[in-house]
N, C-alpha and C. Protein backbone atom coordinates (compact mmCIF):
# COMPACT_ATOMS: atom_id res chain seq x y z
N MET A 1 61.33 12.89 45.80
CA MET A 1 60.65 12.14 44.76
C MET A 1 60.08 10.85 45.35
N VAL A 2 58.80 10.65 45.21
CA VAL A 2 58.16 9.43 45.69
C VAL A 2 58.44 8.31 44.70
N VAL A 3 58.71 7.12 45.24
CA VAL A 3 58.97 5.95 44.41
C VAL A 3 57.99 4.85 44.80
N ALA A 4 57.87 3.85 43.92
CA ALA A 4 56.92 2.76 44.15
C ALA A 4 57.55 1.42 43.81
N ARG A 5 57.08 0.41 44.50
CA ARG A 5 57.47 -0.96 44.19
C ARG A 5 56.20 -1.73 43.84
N MET A 6 56.26 -2.46 42.73
CA MET A 6 55.16 -3.34 42.34
C MET A 6 55.63 -4.77 42.60
N THR A 7 54.88 -5.50 43.40
CA THR A 7 55.22 -6.89 43.71
C THR A 7 54.05 -7.76 43.28
N VAL A 8 54.35 -8.74 42.44
CA VAL A 8 53.33 -9.69 41.97
C VAL A 8 53.55 -10.99 42.73
N TRP A 9 52.54 -11.38 43.48
CA TRP A 9 52.60 -12.58 44.30
C TRP A 9 51.76 -13.67 43.66
N LYS A 10 52.30 -14.88 43.62
CA LYS A 10 51.57 -16.06 43.11
C LYS A 10 51.50 -17.08 44.25
N TYR A 11 50.28 -17.53 44.53
CA TYR A 11 50.06 -18.43 45.66
C TYR A 11 49.65 -19.82 45.23
N LYS A 12 49.89 -20.76 46.12
CA LYS A 12 49.38 -22.11 45.93
C LYS A 12 47.86 -22.02 45.90
N SER A 13 47.23 -22.95 45.22
CA SER A 13 45.77 -22.94 45.03
C SER A 13 45.02 -22.74 46.34
N GLY A 14 44.16 -21.72 46.35
CA GLY A 14 43.30 -21.48 47.50
C GLY A 14 43.95 -20.82 48.70
N GLN A 15 45.19 -20.35 48.58
CA GLN A 15 45.91 -19.83 49.74
C GLN A 15 46.01 -18.30 49.80
N ARG A 16 45.41 -17.60 48.83
CA ARG A 16 45.58 -16.14 48.77
C ARG A 16 45.08 -15.44 50.04
N GLU A 17 43.92 -15.80 50.56
CA GLU A 17 43.38 -15.11 51.73
C GLU A 17 44.26 -15.31 52.96
N ARG A 18 44.79 -16.51 53.14
CA ARG A 18 45.71 -16.75 54.26
C ARG A 18 46.98 -15.93 54.09
N ALA A 19 47.46 -15.86 52.87
CA ALA A 19 48.66 -15.06 52.60
C ALA A 19 48.41 -13.58 52.86
N LEU A 20 47.22 -13.10 52.51
CA LEU A 20 46.88 -11.69 52.75
C LEU A 20 46.96 -11.35 54.23
N ALA A 21 46.51 -12.23 55.08
CA ALA A 21 46.58 -11.99 56.53
C ALA A 21 48.03 -11.87 56.98
N THR A 22 48.90 -12.69 56.42
CA THR A 22 50.32 -12.63 56.77
C THR A 22 50.95 -11.35 56.22
N LEU A 23 50.59 -10.97 55.00
CA LEU A 23 51.10 -9.72 54.43
C LEU A 23 50.66 -8.51 55.26
N ASP A 24 49.45 -8.56 55.79
CA ASP A 24 48.99 -7.46 56.64
C ASP A 24 49.89 -7.30 57.86
N LYS A 25 50.36 -8.41 58.42
CA LYS A 25 51.29 -8.34 59.56
C LYS A 25 52.58 -7.65 59.14
N ILE A 26 53.07 -7.98 57.96
CA ILE A 26 54.32 -7.39 57.48
C ILE A 26 54.13 -5.89 57.25
N MET A 27 53.03 -5.50 56.60
CA MET A 27 52.82 -4.10 56.25
C MET A 27 52.48 -3.25 57.47
N ALA A 28 52.01 -3.85 58.54
CA ALA A 28 51.64 -3.09 59.74
C ALA A 28 52.82 -2.73 60.62
N THR A 29 54.03 -3.06 60.19
CA THR A 29 55.19 -2.84 61.04
C THR A 29 55.68 -1.41 61.03
N GLY A 30 55.14 -0.55 60.18
CA GLY A 30 55.53 0.86 60.18
C GLY A 30 56.95 1.08 59.67
N MET A 31 57.26 0.58 58.51
CA MET A 31 58.59 0.75 57.94
C MET A 31 58.86 2.22 57.63
N ARG A 32 60.09 2.64 57.88
CA ARG A 32 60.49 4.03 57.65
C ARG A 32 60.28 4.43 56.20
N GLY A 33 59.67 5.57 55.98
CA GLY A 33 59.48 6.09 54.63
C GLY A 33 58.30 5.51 53.88
N PHE A 34 57.53 4.65 54.54
CA PHE A 34 56.37 4.02 53.90
C PHE A 34 55.26 5.05 53.78
N ARG A 35 54.74 5.24 52.57
CA ARG A 35 53.67 6.22 52.32
C ARG A 35 52.29 5.59 52.20
N GLY A 36 52.24 4.33 51.80
CA GLY A 36 50.95 3.68 51.63
C GLY A 36 51.05 2.56 50.61
N ASP A 37 49.92 1.91 50.38
CA ASP A 37 49.92 0.81 49.44
C ASP A 37 48.56 0.65 48.79
N VAL A 38 48.54 -0.09 47.72
CA VAL A 38 47.33 -0.49 47.03
C VAL A 38 47.46 -1.98 46.77
N ILE A 39 46.47 -2.75 47.20
CA ILE A 39 46.51 -4.20 46.99
C ILE A 39 45.43 -4.54 45.97
N LEU A 40 45.86 -5.15 44.87
CA LEU A 40 44.97 -5.48 43.77
C LEU A 40 44.80 -6.99 43.69
N LEU A 41 43.57 -7.46 43.82
CA LEU A 41 43.27 -8.88 43.73
C LEU A 41 42.76 -9.18 42.33
N SER A 42 43.41 -10.11 41.66
CA SER A 42 43.02 -10.47 40.31
C SER A 42 41.68 -11.18 40.31
N ARG A 43 40.80 -10.77 39.42
CA ARG A 43 39.51 -11.45 39.28
C ARG A 43 39.67 -12.72 38.43
N GLU A 44 40.63 -12.69 37.50
CA GLU A 44 40.85 -13.83 36.61
C GLU A 44 41.65 -14.94 37.27
N ASP A 45 42.53 -14.57 38.20
CA ASP A 45 43.40 -15.56 38.83
C ASP A 45 43.26 -15.44 40.36
N PRO A 46 42.47 -16.30 40.98
CA PRO A 46 42.24 -16.20 42.43
C PRO A 46 43.46 -16.57 43.27
N ASP A 47 44.55 -16.93 42.63
CA ASP A 47 45.76 -17.31 43.36
C ASP A 47 46.89 -16.32 43.14
N SER A 48 46.55 -15.07 42.80
CA SER A 48 47.59 -14.05 42.64
C SER A 48 47.09 -12.70 43.12
N GLU A 49 48.02 -11.79 43.30
CA GLU A 49 47.70 -10.41 43.65
C GLU A 49 48.88 -9.53 43.28
N VAL A 50 48.61 -8.24 43.18
CA VAL A 50 49.64 -7.25 42.92
C VAL A 50 49.57 -6.24 44.05
N ILE A 51 50.72 -5.92 44.62
CA ILE A 51 50.78 -4.89 45.66
C ILE A 51 51.67 -3.76 45.17
N LEU A 52 51.13 -2.55 45.21
CA LEU A 52 51.91 -1.35 44.93
C LEU A 52 52.18 -0.68 46.26
N THR A 53 53.45 -0.46 46.57
CA THR A 53 53.80 0.27 47.79
C THR A 53 54.48 1.56 47.39
N PHE A 54 54.26 2.60 48.18
CA PHE A 54 54.80 3.92 47.90
C PHE A 54 55.75 4.34 49.02
N TRP A 55 56.89 4.94 48.63
CA TRP A 55 57.98 5.24 49.56
C TRP A 55 58.45 6.68 49.37
N ASP A 56 58.96 7.27 50.45
CA ASP A 56 59.48 8.64 50.40
C ASP A 56 60.60 8.80 49.38
N ASP A 57 61.47 7.78 49.31
CA ASP A 57 62.64 7.88 48.43
C ASP A 57 63.23 6.49 48.19
N GLU A 58 64.22 6.44 47.31
CA GLU A 58 64.89 5.16 46.96
C GLU A 58 65.49 4.50 48.19
N GLU A 59 66.07 5.29 49.08
CA GLU A 59 66.72 4.73 50.27
C GLU A 59 65.71 3.99 51.15
N ALA A 60 64.55 4.58 51.38
CA ALA A 60 63.52 3.92 52.21
C ALA A 60 63.01 2.66 51.53
N MET A 61 62.83 2.72 50.20
CA MET A 61 62.33 1.54 49.48
C MET A 61 63.36 0.41 49.54
N LYS A 62 64.63 0.75 49.38
CA LYS A 62 65.69 -0.26 49.44
C LYS A 62 65.78 -0.85 50.86
N ALA A 63 65.67 -0.01 51.87
CA ALA A 63 65.74 -0.49 53.25
C ALA A 63 64.59 -1.45 53.55
N SER A 64 63.40 -1.17 53.01
CA SER A 64 62.26 -2.07 53.24
C SER A 64 62.52 -3.44 52.63
N ALA A 65 63.11 -3.46 51.44
CA ALA A 65 63.43 -4.74 50.79
C ALA A 65 64.43 -5.52 51.63
N GLU A 66 65.40 -4.82 52.21
CA GLU A 66 66.37 -5.49 53.08
C GLU A 66 65.68 -6.11 54.29
N GLN A 67 64.72 -5.39 54.87
CA GLN A 67 64.00 -5.90 56.04
C GLN A 67 63.23 -7.17 55.71
N ILE A 68 62.64 -7.20 54.51
CA ILE A 68 61.76 -8.31 54.15
C ILE A 68 62.51 -9.47 53.52
N PHE A 69 63.37 -9.18 52.55
CA PHE A 69 63.95 -10.24 51.72
C PHE A 69 65.35 -10.69 52.12
N HIS A 70 66.08 -9.90 52.90
CA HIS A 70 67.44 -10.27 53.30
C HIS A 70 67.38 -11.32 54.40
N PRO A 71 68.26 -12.34 54.35
CA PRO A 71 68.22 -13.41 55.37
C PRO A 71 68.27 -12.91 56.81
N GLY A 72 68.94 -11.78 57.06
CA GLY A 72 69.03 -11.24 58.42
C GLY A 72 68.05 -10.11 58.68
N GLY A 73 67.11 -9.87 57.76
CA GLY A 73 66.18 -8.76 57.88
C GLY A 73 65.23 -8.91 59.06
N THR A 74 64.80 -7.79 59.59
CA THR A 74 63.94 -7.81 60.77
C THR A 74 62.56 -8.39 60.49
N LEU A 75 62.16 -8.47 59.22
CA LEU A 75 60.86 -9.04 58.87
C LEU A 75 60.98 -10.42 58.23
N LYS A 76 62.14 -11.03 58.35
CA LYS A 76 62.35 -12.34 57.74
C LYS A 76 61.40 -13.39 58.32
N GLY A 77 61.11 -13.31 59.61
CA GLY A 77 60.19 -14.28 60.23
C GLY A 77 58.82 -14.27 59.59
N PRO A 78 58.14 -13.10 59.53
CA PRO A 78 56.84 -13.07 58.85
C PRO A 78 56.95 -13.46 57.37
N PHE A 79 58.05 -13.10 56.71
CA PHE A 79 58.19 -13.48 55.31
C PHE A 79 58.31 -14.99 55.17
N GLU A 80 59.03 -15.64 56.09
CA GLU A 80 59.14 -17.10 56.05
C GLU A 80 57.76 -17.74 56.25
N GLU A 81 56.92 -17.13 57.08
CA GLU A 81 55.55 -17.63 57.26
C GLU A 81 54.78 -17.51 55.94
N LEU A 82 54.99 -16.42 55.23
CA LEU A 82 54.32 -16.20 53.95
C LEU A 82 54.78 -17.20 52.89
N GLU A 83 56.04 -17.58 52.93
CA GLU A 83 56.61 -18.47 51.91
C GLU A 83 55.86 -19.79 51.77
N LYS A 84 55.25 -20.27 52.83
CA LYS A 84 54.54 -21.56 52.74
C LYS A 84 53.32 -21.47 51.82
N TYR A 85 52.86 -20.26 51.53
CA TYR A 85 51.71 -20.07 50.63
C TYR A 85 52.13 -19.79 49.18
N LEU A 86 53.39 -19.49 48.96
CA LEU A 86 53.87 -19.06 47.64
C LEU A 86 54.23 -20.22 46.73
N THR A 87 54.09 -19.99 45.42
CA THR A 87 54.57 -20.97 44.44
C THR A 87 56.02 -20.70 44.07
N GLY A 88 56.53 -19.53 44.42
CA GLY A 88 57.90 -19.14 44.12
C GLY A 88 58.13 -17.72 44.57
N PRO A 89 59.31 -17.17 44.31
CA PRO A 89 59.57 -15.79 44.72
C PRO A 89 58.68 -14.81 43.96
N PRO A 90 58.36 -13.68 44.58
CA PRO A 90 57.52 -12.70 43.90
C PRO A 90 58.30 -12.00 42.78
N GLU A 91 57.55 -11.48 41.82
CA GLU A 91 58.13 -10.64 40.78
C GLU A 91 58.11 -9.20 41.32
N VAL A 92 59.27 -8.54 41.33
CA VAL A 92 59.38 -7.21 41.92
C VAL A 92 59.93 -6.24 40.89
N LYS A 93 59.28 -5.08 40.77
CA LYS A 93 59.75 -4.00 39.90
C LYS A 93 59.64 -2.69 40.64
N ASP A 94 60.63 -1.82 40.45
CA ASP A 94 60.64 -0.51 41.10
C ASP A 94 60.37 0.59 40.08
N PHE A 95 59.69 1.66 40.55
CA PHE A 95 59.27 2.75 39.67
C PHE A 95 59.45 4.11 40.34
N LYS A 96 59.56 5.16 39.53
CA LYS A 96 59.38 6.54 39.99
C LYS A 96 57.89 6.82 39.83
N VAL A 97 57.32 7.56 40.76
CA VAL A 97 55.91 7.92 40.65
C VAL A 97 55.80 9.22 39.86
N TYR A 98 55.18 9.15 38.71
CA TYR A 98 54.95 10.33 37.87
C TYR A 98 53.72 11.08 38.36
N ALA A 99 52.65 10.35 38.67
CA ALA A 99 51.42 10.96 39.16
C ALA A 99 50.63 9.91 39.93
N ALA A 100 49.82 10.38 40.87
CA ALA A 100 48.93 9.50 41.62
C ALA A 100 47.61 10.23 41.80
N ARG A 101 46.55 9.61 41.33
CA ARG A 101 45.23 10.22 41.43
C ARG A 101 44.24 9.17 41.92
N ALA A 102 43.39 9.57 42.83
CA ALA A 102 42.33 8.67 43.28
C ALA A 102 41.19 9.52 43.80
N LYS A 103 40.00 9.08 43.54
CA LYS A 103 38.83 9.79 44.02
C LYS A 103 37.94 8.79 44.74
N GLU A 104 37.95 8.87 46.05
CA GLU A 104 37.12 8.01 46.88
C GLU A 104 37.20 6.55 46.47
N VAL A 105 38.39 6.01 46.51
CA VAL A 105 38.58 4.60 46.23
C VAL A 105 38.14 3.81 47.45
N LYS A 106 37.11 3.00 47.29
CA LYS A 106 36.58 2.21 48.40
C LYS A 106 36.72 0.74 48.03
N PRO A 107 37.59 0.03 48.73
CA PRO A 107 37.80 -1.38 48.42
C PRO A 107 36.52 -2.19 48.56
N GLU A 108 36.38 -3.16 47.66
CA GLU A 108 35.26 -4.08 47.73
C GLU A 108 35.40 -4.98 48.95
N ILE A 109 36.64 -5.33 49.26
CA ILE A 109 36.96 -6.18 50.41
C ILE A 109 37.85 -5.35 51.31
N THR A 110 37.47 -5.17 52.57
CA THR A 110 38.27 -4.36 53.47
C THR A 110 39.19 -5.18 54.35
N GLN A 111 38.86 -6.40 54.59
CA GLN A 111 39.68 -7.28 55.42
C GLN A 111 39.81 -8.63 54.75
N PRO A 112 40.98 -9.24 54.83
CA PRO A 112 41.09 -10.61 54.31
C PRO A 112 40.13 -11.53 55.05
N VAL A 113 39.58 -12.47 54.31
CA VAL A 113 38.61 -13.42 54.88
C VAL A 113 39.33 -14.55 55.56
């Protein structure tokens, strides 16, 4: 069963693009069980974003959270770099994936500026 995590990030004014570059470093590490992600940039709020990540199973999703958010996690360094852009901790919710459909989704922005 594929599972998903939704993380809502809130940034200090004008810091979203810098934070995106740091998040790209975190996501490029090839975490076990990682299936992919969707990054949604709010048009109404230029200082926030939503990231949906997809995982093979609950165990892989939980292990990724340990890597990122646990004080001894292997990704704690990049996460600490990201914290300087945040207004507070992210809002995190976990889900079971019921269905996933996409037809030629082409991002408007392919790389953080």
